[in-house]
Amino acid sequence: MAHTLEELVNKQHTADAAHARVKELRDAYGPGAKDDGWTAEQTATYTAAWNVWREHAQEVQAAVTAHAKDEGTSRYEVESAVKKKARHPEPETAAA
């Protein structure tokens, strides 16, 4: 399935949000091996969030690979463009 650059950017946003959730949980729970570690509920919550992030990241990678192949361009160039646009968007200019 061909993806537009905008679709790839949206997928990257979703993966980035899932990763932010994993980092948020890690910061809130602290190191898992510290003191008594995490509760079973914390472990389950973190594991579920990590799996969601992994799935979204895999989707992005597969879509980037397919897009690069379809466009006959470098996978690296596509991934760089997607990450740049997703993480460092150009500021919108006011219409004159």
N, C-alpha and C. Protein backbone atom coordinates (compact mmCIF):
# COMPACT_ATOMS: atom_id res chain seq x y z
N MET A 1 0.84 -1.18 0.00
CA MET A 1 0.00 0.00 0.00
C MET A 1 0.88 1.24 0.00
N ALA A 2 0.67 2.10 -0.94
CA ALA A 2 1.43 3.33 -1.03
C ALA A 2 0.95 4.32 0.02
N HIS A 3 1.87 5.04 0.58
CA HIS A 3 1.55 6.04 1.59
C HIS A 3 2.09 7.38 1.12
N THR A 4 1.35 8.42 1.41
CA THR A 4 1.85 9.76 1.14
C THR A 4 2.79 10.16 2.27
N LEU A 5 3.57 11.18 2.04
CA LEU A 5 4.46 11.67 3.07
C LEU A 5 3.66 12.10 4.29
N GLU A 6 2.52 12.73 4.06
CA GLU A 6 1.68 13.18 5.18
C GLU A 6 1.17 11.99 6.00
N GLU A 7 0.81 10.90 5.35
CA GLU A 7 0.37 9.70 6.07
C GLU A 7 1.52 9.12 6.90
N LEU A 8 2.70 9.14 6.33
CA LEU A 8 3.87 8.65 7.06
C LEU A 8 4.15 9.53 8.28
N VAL A 9 4.01 10.83 8.11
CA VAL A 9 4.21 11.76 9.22
C VAL A 9 3.18 11.49 10.32
N ASN A 10 1.94 11.26 9.94
CA ASN A 10 0.91 10.96 10.93
C ASN A 10 1.22 9.67 11.68
N LYS A 11 1.71 8.66 10.96
CA LYS A 11 2.11 7.41 11.62
C LYS A 11 3.26 7.67 12.59
N GLN A 12 4.20 8.52 12.19
CA GLN A 12 5.33 8.85 13.05
C GLN A 12 4.85 9.58 14.30
N HIS A 13 3.89 10.49 14.15
CA HIS A 13 3.32 11.18 15.31
C HIS A 13 2.71 10.18 16.29
N THR A 14 2.00 9.20 15.76
CA THR A 14 1.38 8.18 16.62
C THR A 14 2.44 7.37 17.36
N ALA A 15 3.48 6.98 16.66
CA ALA A 15 4.58 6.24 17.30
C ALA A 15 5.28 7.10 18.34
N ASP A 16 5.50 8.37 18.04
CA ASP A 16 6.15 9.27 18.99
C ASP A 16 5.31 9.46 20.24
N ALA A 17 4.00 9.57 20.07
CA ALA A 17 3.10 9.71 21.22
C ALA A 17 3.14 8.45 22.09
N ALA A 18 3.17 7.30 21.45
CA ALA A 18 3.25 6.04 22.20
C ALA A 18 4.58 5.95 22.95
N HIS A 19 5.65 6.41 22.32
CA HIS A 19 6.96 6.41 22.98
C HIS A 19 6.97 7.37 24.16
N ALA A 20 6.34 8.51 24.00
CA ALA A 20 6.24 9.48 25.11
C ALA A 20 5.52 8.86 26.30
N ARG A 21 4.49 8.06 26.02
CA ARG A 21 3.75 7.38 27.10
C ARG A 21 4.66 6.40 27.83
N VAL A 22 5.48 5.66 27.10
CA VAL A 22 6.42 4.73 27.72
C VAL A 22 7.40 5.49 28.62
N LYS A 23 7.94 6.59 28.12
CA LYS A 23 8.88 7.39 28.92
C LYS A 23 8.19 7.98 30.15
N GLU A 24 6.96 8.41 29.98
CA GLU A 24 6.18 8.96 31.09
C GLU A 24 6.01 7.91 32.20
N LEU A 25 5.66 6.70 31.81
CA LEU A 25 5.49 5.63 32.79
C LEU A 25 6.81 5.29 33.46
N ARG A 26 7.88 5.23 32.69
CA ARG A 26 9.20 4.91 33.25
C ARG A 26 9.61 5.97 34.27
N ASP A 27 9.35 7.24 33.94
CA ASP A 27 9.67 8.32 34.87
C ASP A 27 8.80 8.24 36.13
N ALA A 28 7.53 7.92 35.95
CA ALA A 28 6.62 7.84 37.09
C ALA A 28 6.92 6.65 37.99
N TYR A 29 7.26 5.52 37.40
CA TYR A 29 7.46 4.29 38.16
C TYR A 29 8.89 4.15 38.70
N GLY A 30 9.83 4.81 38.07
CA GLY A 30 11.22 4.63 38.46
C GLY A 30 11.77 3.34 37.87
N PRO A 31 13.04 3.08 38.13
CA PRO A 31 13.64 1.86 37.60
C PRO A 31 12.94 0.62 38.14
N GLY A 32 12.68 -0.32 37.28
CA GLY A 32 11.98 -1.53 37.69
C GLY A 32 12.75 -2.39 38.68
N ALA A 33 14.06 -2.34 38.65
CA ALA A 33 14.87 -3.18 39.53
C ALA A 33 15.20 -2.48 40.85
N LYS A 34 14.84 -1.22 40.98
CA LYS A 34 15.15 -0.45 42.19
C LYS A 34 14.23 -0.84 43.34
N ASP A 35 14.79 -0.92 44.52
CA ASP A 35 14.04 -1.25 45.74
C ASP A 35 13.21 -2.51 45.54
N ASP A 36 11.91 -2.38 45.66
CA ASP A 36 11.01 -3.53 45.52
C ASP A 36 10.56 -3.73 44.08
N GLY A 37 11.00 -2.87 43.18
CA GLY A 37 10.57 -2.98 41.78
C GLY A 37 9.16 -2.47 41.59
N TRP A 38 8.56 -2.84 40.51
CA TRP A 38 7.21 -2.40 40.19
C TRP A 38 6.20 -3.41 40.69
N THR A 39 4.98 -2.91 40.89
CA THR A 39 3.88 -3.82 41.21
C THR A 39 3.49 -4.57 39.94
N ALA A 40 2.71 -5.60 40.11
CA ALA A 40 2.24 -6.35 38.94
C ALA A 40 1.43 -5.45 38.02
N GLU A 41 0.64 -4.55 38.59
CA GLU A 41 -0.16 -3.63 37.77
C GLU A 41 0.72 -2.66 36.99
N GLN A 42 1.76 -2.14 37.65
CA GLN A 42 2.68 -1.24 36.96
C GLN A 42 3.40 -1.97 35.83
N THR A 43 3.83 -3.18 36.09
CA THR A 43 4.51 -3.97 35.07
C THR A 43 3.60 -4.22 33.88
N ALA A 44 2.35 -4.57 34.15
CA ALA A 44 1.39 -4.83 33.07
C ALA A 44 1.11 -3.56 32.27
N THR A 45 0.95 -2.44 32.96
CA THR A 45 0.69 -1.17 32.28
C THR A 45 1.87 -0.77 31.40
N TYR A 46 3.08 -0.87 31.95
CA TYR A 46 4.28 -0.52 31.19
C TYR A 46 4.46 -1.44 29.99
N THR A 47 4.27 -2.74 30.21
CA THR A 47 4.44 -3.71 29.13
C THR A 47 3.43 -3.45 28.01
N ALA A 48 2.20 -3.14 28.36
CA ALA A 48 1.18 -2.85 27.35
C ALA A 48 1.55 -1.59 26.56
N ALA A 49 1.99 -0.56 27.26
CA ALA A 49 2.39 0.68 26.58
C ALA A 49 3.60 0.45 25.68
N TRP A 50 4.55 -0.34 26.16
CA TRP A 50 5.74 -0.63 25.37
C TRP A 50 5.37 -1.40 24.10
N ASN A 51 4.44 -2.35 24.23
CA ASN A 51 3.99 -3.13 23.06
C ASN A 51 3.28 -2.25 22.05
N VAL A 52 2.47 -1.31 22.51
CA VAL A 52 1.79 -0.37 21.60
C VAL A 52 2.84 0.45 20.86
N TRP A 53 3.82 0.96 21.57
CA TRP A 53 4.88 1.75 20.95
C TRP A 53 5.61 0.91 19.91
N ARG A 54 5.97 -0.32 20.27
CA ARG A 54 6.69 -1.20 19.35
C ARG A 54 5.88 -1.46 18.07
N GLU A 55 4.60 -1.71 18.23
CA GLU A 55 3.74 -1.96 17.08
C GLU A 55 3.66 -0.75 16.16
N HIS A 56 3.50 0.44 16.75
CA HIS A 56 3.43 1.66 15.93
C HIS A 56 4.77 1.93 15.25
N ALA A 57 5.86 1.72 15.96
CA ALA A 57 7.18 1.93 15.37
C ALA A 57 7.42 0.96 14.21
N GLN A 58 7.00 -0.28 14.37
CA GLN A 58 7.14 -1.26 13.29
C GLN A 58 6.29 -0.85 12.08
N GLU A 59 5.09 -0.33 12.33
CA GLU A 59 4.23 0.13 11.23
C GLU A 59 4.90 1.27 10.47
N VAL A 60 5.49 2.20 11.20
CA VAL A 60 6.18 3.32 10.55
C VAL A 60 7.33 2.79 9.69
N GLN A 61 8.14 1.91 10.25
CA GLN A 61 9.28 1.38 9.52
C GLN A 61 8.85 0.65 8.25
N ALA A 62 7.82 -0.16 8.36
CA ALA A 62 7.34 -0.90 7.19
C ALA A 62 6.78 0.05 6.14
N ALA A 63 6.04 1.06 6.57
CA ALA A 63 5.46 2.02 5.63
C ALA A 63 6.55 2.85 4.95
N VAL A 64 7.56 3.24 5.71
CA VAL A 64 8.68 4.00 5.13
C VAL A 64 9.41 3.15 4.09
N THR A 65 9.64 1.90 4.40
CA THR A 65 10.31 1.00 3.47
C THR A 65 9.50 0.84 2.18
N ALA A 66 8.20 0.63 2.34
CA ALA A 66 7.33 0.46 1.16
C ALA A 66 7.29 1.74 0.33
N HIS A 67 7.20 2.88 0.99
CA HIS A 67 7.16 4.16 0.28
C HIS A 67 8.45 4.37 -0.51
N ALA A 68 9.58 4.11 0.13
CA ALA A 68 10.87 4.29 -0.55
C ALA A 68 10.97 3.37 -1.77
N LYS A 69 10.52 2.15 -1.61
CA LYS A 69 10.56 1.19 -2.73
C LYS A 69 9.65 1.66 -3.86
N ASP A 70 8.42 2.08 -3.50
CA ASP A 70 7.46 2.54 -4.51
C ASP A 70 7.96 3.78 -5.26
N GLU A 71 8.65 4.66 -4.53
CA GLU A 71 9.14 5.91 -5.12
C GLU A 71 10.51 5.76 -5.76
N GLY A 72 11.14 4.60 -5.54
CA GLY A 72 12.48 4.39 -6.09
C GLY A 72 13.52 5.30 -5.46
N THR A 73 13.36 5.56 -4.18
CA THR A 73 14.28 6.45 -3.48
C THR A 73 14.89 5.75 -2.28
N SER A 74 15.83 6.39 -1.67
CA SER A 74 16.51 5.83 -0.52
C SER A 74 15.59 5.78 0.70
N ARG A 75 15.59 4.65 1.36
CA ARG A 75 14.80 4.50 2.58
C ARG A 75 15.25 5.51 3.63
N TYR A 76 16.56 5.72 3.70
CA TYR A 76 17.12 6.68 4.64
C TYR A 76 16.57 8.09 4.38
N GLU A 77 16.49 8.48 3.11
CA GLU A 77 15.99 9.81 2.77
C GLU A 77 14.53 9.96 3.18
N VAL A 78 13.73 8.93 2.94
CA VAL A 78 12.31 8.97 3.31
C VAL A 78 12.18 9.06 4.83
N GLU A 79 12.89 8.21 5.54
CA GLU A 79 12.80 8.22 7.01
C GLU A 79 13.25 9.56 7.57
N SER A 80 14.31 10.13 7.03
CA SER A 80 14.79 11.43 7.50
C SER A 80 13.76 12.52 7.26
N ALA A 81 13.15 12.50 6.09
CA ALA A 81 12.13 13.51 5.77
C ALA A 81 10.93 13.38 6.69
N VAL A 82 10.52 12.15 6.94
CA VAL A 82 9.36 11.91 7.82
C VAL A 82 9.66 12.40 9.23
N LYS A 83 10.80 12.01 9.77
CA LYS A 83 11.14 12.42 11.14
C LYS A 83 11.32 13.93 11.24
N LYS A 84 11.93 14.52 10.24
CA LYS A 84 12.11 15.98 10.27
C LYS A 84 10.76 16.68 10.27
N LYS A 85 9.88 16.26 9.39
CA LYS A 85 8.57 16.91 9.30
C LYS A 85 7.72 16.63 10.54
N ALA A 86 7.85 15.43 11.10
CA ALA A 86 7.05 15.07 12.29
C ALA A 86 7.56 15.77 13.54
N ARG A 87 8.86 15.88 13.67
CA ARG A 87 9.44 16.38 14.92
C ARG A 87 9.88 17.83 14.86
N HIS A 88 10.09 18.34 13.67
CA HIS A 88 10.56 19.73 13.52
C HIS A 88 9.78 20.37 12.36
N PRO A 89 8.47 20.52 12.51
CA PRO A 89 7.68 21.06 11.38
C PRO A 89 8.05 22.50 11.07
N GLU A 90 7.88 22.83 9.82
CA GLU A 90 8.10 24.20 9.38
C GLU A 90 7.02 25.08 10.00
N PRO A 91 7.39 26.26 10.50
CA PRO A 91 6.35 27.14 11.04
C PRO A 91 5.41 27.59 9.91
N GLU A 92 4.14 27.66 10.25
CA GLU A 92 3.17 28.11 9.26
C GLU A 92 3.30 29.62 9.10
N THR A 93 3.24 30.06 7.86
CA THR A 93 3.33 31.49 7.59
C THR A 93 1.93 32.05 7.41
N ALA A 94 1.75 33.27 7.82
CA ALA A 94 0.45 33.92 7.69
C ALA A 94 0.21 34.27 6.23
N ALA A 95 -1.02 34.09 5.79
CA ALA A 95 -1.38 34.44 4.42
C ALA A 95 -1.32 35.95 4.25
N ALA A 96 -0.78 36.38 3.14
CA ALA A 96 -0.63 37.83 2.91
C ALA A 96 -1.92 38.43 2.44
